[in-house]
Amino acid sequence: MRYGVRRSRGFGCWLTTRLPRGAALGSAVMPEPLRYRFRVGCPAGRAFELWTESAGVWWPMGTHSVSGRGDSVLVIEPGPGGRIYEQAADGQQFSWGTVLAWQPPARLVCGPGAAGCG
């Protein structure tokens, strides 16, 4: 596996992701699930709350966006079946996926949405 390191905005921690062997960034190859593990200076429940409620703060929308619009923020609706989407400044929404598992503070599983986004 090849490793890439990217700094997460707003949380001041380093996250490591893995790409399949031979895959290039931006390729159509389906990567392995992203798994993040890091230490934060608060209880696990508060960290989960900040991670999910403040996704618009830490997500790098400038480089990782469905819409390509710089004025969008990422929104994660709580609970199984919750939507994951970009919300643009003008109110337009761009669907990303769905929350499959919501088990604060230990587990958040997301999947592609019914609209074919992933």
C-alpha atoms as a PDB file:
ATOM      1  CA  MET A   1       0.000   0.000   0.000  1.00  0.00           C
ATOM      2  CA  ARG A   2       1.026   3.542  -0.692  1.00  0.00           C
ATOM      3  CA  TYR A   3       0.503   6.095   2.049  1.00  0.00           C
ATOM      4  CA  GLY A   4      -0.301   9.775   1.793  1.00  0.00           C
ATOM      5  CA  VAL A   5      -0.412  12.202   4.671  1.00  0.00           C
ATOM      6  CA  ARG A   6      -2.673  15.227   4.779  1.00  0.00           C
ATOM      7  CA  ARG A   7      -3.129  17.728   7.600  1.00  0.00           C
ATOM      8  CA  SER A   8      -6.710  18.200   8.746  1.00  0.00           C
ATOM      9  CA  ARG A   9      -7.799  21.843   8.974  1.00  0.00           C
ATOM     10  CA  GLY A  10      -9.282  22.954  12.248  1.00  0.00           C
ATOM     11  CA  PHE A  11      -8.235  19.951  14.322  1.00  0.00           C
ATOM     12  CA  GLY A  12      -4.439  20.277  14.064  1.00  0.00           C
ATOM     13  CA  CYS A  13      -3.807  16.555  13.676  1.00  0.00           C
ATOM     14  CA  TRP A  14      -2.256  14.358  11.004  1.00  0.00           C
ATOM     15  CA  LEU A  15      -4.382  11.830   9.157  1.00  0.00           C
ATOM     16  CA  THR A  16      -3.011   8.962   7.082  1.00  0.00           C
ATOM     17  CA  THR A  17      -4.886   7.425   4.169  1.00  0.00           C
ATOM     18  CA  ARG A  18      -3.997   4.408   2.061  1.00  0.00           C
ATOM     19  CA  LEU A  19      -4.298   4.051  -1.726  1.00  0.00           C
ATOM     20  CA  PRO A  20      -4.406   0.653  -3.482  1.00  0.00           C
ATOM     21  CA  ARG A  21      -1.116  -0.411  -5.083  1.00  0.00           C
ATOM     22  CA  GLY A  22      -0.746   1.193  -8.501  1.00  0.00           C
ATOM     23  CA  ALA A  23      -3.549   3.697  -7.932  1.00  0.00           C
ATOM     24  CA  ALA A  24      -2.962   7.346  -8.694  1.00  0.00           C
ATOM     25  CA  LEU A  25      -4.654  10.210  -6.902  1.00  0.00           C
ATOM     26  CA  GLY A  26      -7.870  11.005  -8.742  1.00  0.00           C
ATOM     27  CA  SER A  27      -8.033   7.589 -10.438  1.00  0.00           C
ATOM     28  CA  ALA A  28     -11.272   5.624 -10.814  1.00  0.00           C
ATOM     29  CA  VAL A  29      -9.935   2.780  -8.613  1.00  0.00           C
ATOM     30  CA  MET A  30     -12.097   2.334  -5.506  1.00  0.00           C
ATOM     31  CA  PRO A  31      -9.861   3.045  -2.494  1.00  0.00           C
ATOM     32  CA  GLU A  32     -10.041   1.188   0.795  1.00  0.00           C
ATOM     33  CA  PRO A  33     -12.225   2.783   3.471  1.00  0.00           C
ATOM     34  CA  LEU A  34     -10.603   5.745   5.195  1.00  0.00           C
ATOM     35  CA  ARG A  35      -9.833   5.052   8.813  1.00  0.00           C
ATOM     36  CA  TYR A  36      -8.719   7.912  11.028  1.00  0.00           C
ATOM     37  CA  ARG A  37      -7.194   7.572  14.458  1.00  0.00           C
ATOM     38  CA  PHE A  38      -5.779  10.463  16.435  1.00  0.00           C
ATOM     39  CA  ARG A  39      -5.752  12.009  19.904  1.00  0.00           C
ATOM     40  CA  VAL A  40      -7.779  15.044  20.854  1.00  0.00           C
ATOM     41  CA  GLY A  41      -7.888  17.038  24.071  1.00  0.00           C
ATOM     42  CA  CYS A  42     -11.514  16.313  25.002  1.00  0.00           C
ATOM     43  CA  PRO A  43     -13.773  13.356  25.857  1.00  0.00           C
ATOM     44  CA  ALA A  44     -14.616  10.967  22.997  1.00  0.00           C
ATOM     45  CA  GLY A  45     -18.275  12.047  22.913  1.00  0.00           C
ATOM     46  CA  ARG A  46     -17.333  15.708  22.453  1.00  0.00           C
ATOM     47  CA  ALA A  47     -14.790  14.804  19.748  1.00  0.00           C
ATOM     48  CA  PHE A  48     -17.451  12.835  17.831  1.00  0.00           C
ATOM     49  CA  GLU A  49     -19.849  15.768  18.142  1.00  0.00           C
ATOM     50  CA  LEU A  50     -17.255  18.267  16.871  1.00  0.00           C
ATOM     51  CA  TRP A  51     -16.184  15.957  14.033  1.00  0.00           C
ATOM     52  CA  THR A  52     -19.718  15.513  12.712  1.00  0.00           C
ATOM     53  CA  GLU A  53     -21.293  18.892  13.514  1.00  0.00           C
ATOM     54  CA  SER A  54     -18.282  20.904  12.281  1.00  0.00           C
ATOM     55  CA  ALA A  55     -17.489  19.021   9.074  1.00  0.00           C
ATOM     56  CA  GLY A  56     -17.659  22.330   7.213  1.00  0.00           C
ATOM     57  CA  VAL A  57     -14.645  23.520   9.210  1.00  0.00           C
ATOM     58  CA  TRP A  58     -12.224  20.633   8.634  1.00  0.00           C
ATOM     59  CA  TRP A  59     -13.227  19.259   5.212  1.00  0.00           C
ATOM     60  CA  PRO A  60     -10.893  20.585   2.431  1.00  0.00           C
ATOM     61  CA  MET A  61     -13.688  21.761   0.092  1.00  0.00           C
ATOM     62  CA  GLY A  62     -11.193  23.560  -2.142  1.00  0.00           C
ATOM     63  CA  THR A  63      -9.750  20.224  -3.290  1.00  0.00           C
ATOM     64  CA  HIS A  64     -12.453  17.668  -2.388  1.00  0.00           C
ATOM     65  CA  SER A  65     -15.831  18.830  -3.667  1.00  0.00           C
ATOM     66  CA  VAL A  66     -18.656  17.358  -5.735  1.00  0.00           C
ATOM     67  CA  SER A  67     -19.857  20.763  -6.938  1.00  0.00           C
ATOM     68  CA  GLY A  68     -16.468  22.382  -7.457  1.00  0.00           C
ATOM     69  CA  ARG A  69     -17.803  25.495  -5.733  1.00  0.00           C
ATOM     70  CA  GLY A  70     -15.568  27.150  -3.204  1.00  0.00           C
ATOM     71  CA  ASP A  71     -18.505  28.560  -1.236  1.00  0.00           C
ATOM     72  CA  SER A  72     -19.839  25.144  -0.164  1.00  0.00           C
ATOM     73  CA  VAL A  73     -19.548  23.498   3.253  1.00  0.00           C
ATOM     74  CA  LEU A  74     -19.933  19.820   4.135  1.00  0.00           C
ATOM     75  CA  VAL A  75     -22.998  18.826   6.180  1.00  0.00           C
ATOM     76  CA  ILE A  76     -23.477  15.473   7.946  1.00  0.00           C
ATOM     77  CA  GLU A  77     -27.008  14.911   9.254  1.00  0.00           C
ATOM     78  CA  PRO A  78     -26.937  12.832  12.461  1.00  0.00           C
ATOM     79  CA  GLY A  79     -28.299   9.309  12.699  1.00  0.00           C
ATOM     80  CA  PRO A  80     -28.648   6.335  10.371  1.00  0.00           C
ATOM     81  CA  GLY A  81     -30.164   7.501   7.106  1.00  0.00           C
ATOM     82  CA  GLY A  82     -28.837  11.036   7.597  1.00  0.00           C
ATOM     83  CA  ARG A  83     -27.785  12.816   4.430  1.00  0.00           C
ATOM     84  CA  ILE A  84     -24.232  13.913   3.644  1.00  0.00           C
ATOM     85  CA  TYR A  85     -24.108  16.850   1.266  1.00  0.00           C
ATOM     86  CA  GLU A  86     -22.486  20.102   0.244  1.00  0.00           C
ATOM     87  CA  GLN A  87     -24.445  23.229   1.073  1.00  0.00           C
ATOM     88  CA  ALA A  88     -23.588  26.223  -1.136  1.00  0.00           C
ATOM     89  CA  ALA A  89     -23.932  29.815   0.058  1.00  0.00           C
ATOM     90  CA  ASP A  90     -27.016  30.250  -2.173  1.00  0.00           C
ATOM     91  CA  GLY A  91     -28.716  27.254  -0.496  1.00  0.00           C
ATOM     92  CA  GLN A  92     -28.136  24.772  -3.330  1.00  0.00           C
ATOM     93  CA  GLN A  93     -27.329  21.249  -2.071  1.00  0.00           C
ATOM     94  CA  PHE A  94     -25.130  18.631  -3.722  1.00  0.00           C
ATOM     95  CA  SER A  95     -25.687  15.082  -2.451  1.00  0.00           C
ATOM     96  CA  TRP A  96     -22.697  12.948  -1.426  1.00  0.00           C
ATOM     97  CA  GLY A  97     -24.104  10.012   0.441  1.00  0.00           C
ATOM     98  CA  THR A  98     -25.862   8.640   3.477  1.00  0.00           C
ATOM     99  CA  VAL A  99     -24.983   7.834   7.078  1.00  0.00           C
ATOM    100  CA  LEU A 100     -25.144   4.037   7.356  1.00  0.00           C
ATOM    101  CA  ALA A 101     -24.124   3.666  11.018  1.00  0.00           C
ATOM    102  CA  TRP A 102     -24.199   6.288  13.772  1.00  0.00           C
ATOM    103  CA  GLN A 103     -22.807   5.048  17.079  1.00  0.00           C
ATOM    104  CA  PRO A 104     -21.401   7.987  19.060  1.00  0.00           C
ATOM    105  CA  PRO A 105     -18.708   8.229  20.109  1.00  0.00           C
ATOM    106  CA  ALA A 106     -17.097   5.180  18.523  1.00  0.00           C
ATOM    107  CA  ARG A 107     -18.352   4.719  14.970  1.00  0.00           C
ATOM    108  CA  LEU A 108     -19.548   6.626  11.908  1.00  0.00           C
ATOM    109  CA  VAL A 109     -20.035   4.742   8.637  1.00  0.00           C
ATOM    110  CA  CYS A 110     -20.997   6.557   5.443  1.00  0.00           C
ATOM    111  CA  GLY A 111     -21.911   5.236   2.019  1.00  0.00           C
ATOM    112  CA  PRO A 112     -22.702   6.590  -1.422  1.00  0.00           C
ATOM    113  CA  GLY A 113     -26.100   8.201  -1.868  1.00  0.00           C
ATOM    114  CA  ALA A 114     -29.000   7.060  -3.953  1.00  0.00           C
ATOM    115  CA  ALA A 115     -28.227   9.820  -6.446  1.00  0.00           C
ATOM    116  CA  GLY A 116     -25.144   7.905  -7.555  1.00  0.00           C
ATOM    117  CA  CYS A 117     -22.616  10.078  -5.791  1.00  0.00           C
ATOM    118  CA  GLY A 118     -19.802   8.499  -3.896  1.00  0.00           C
END
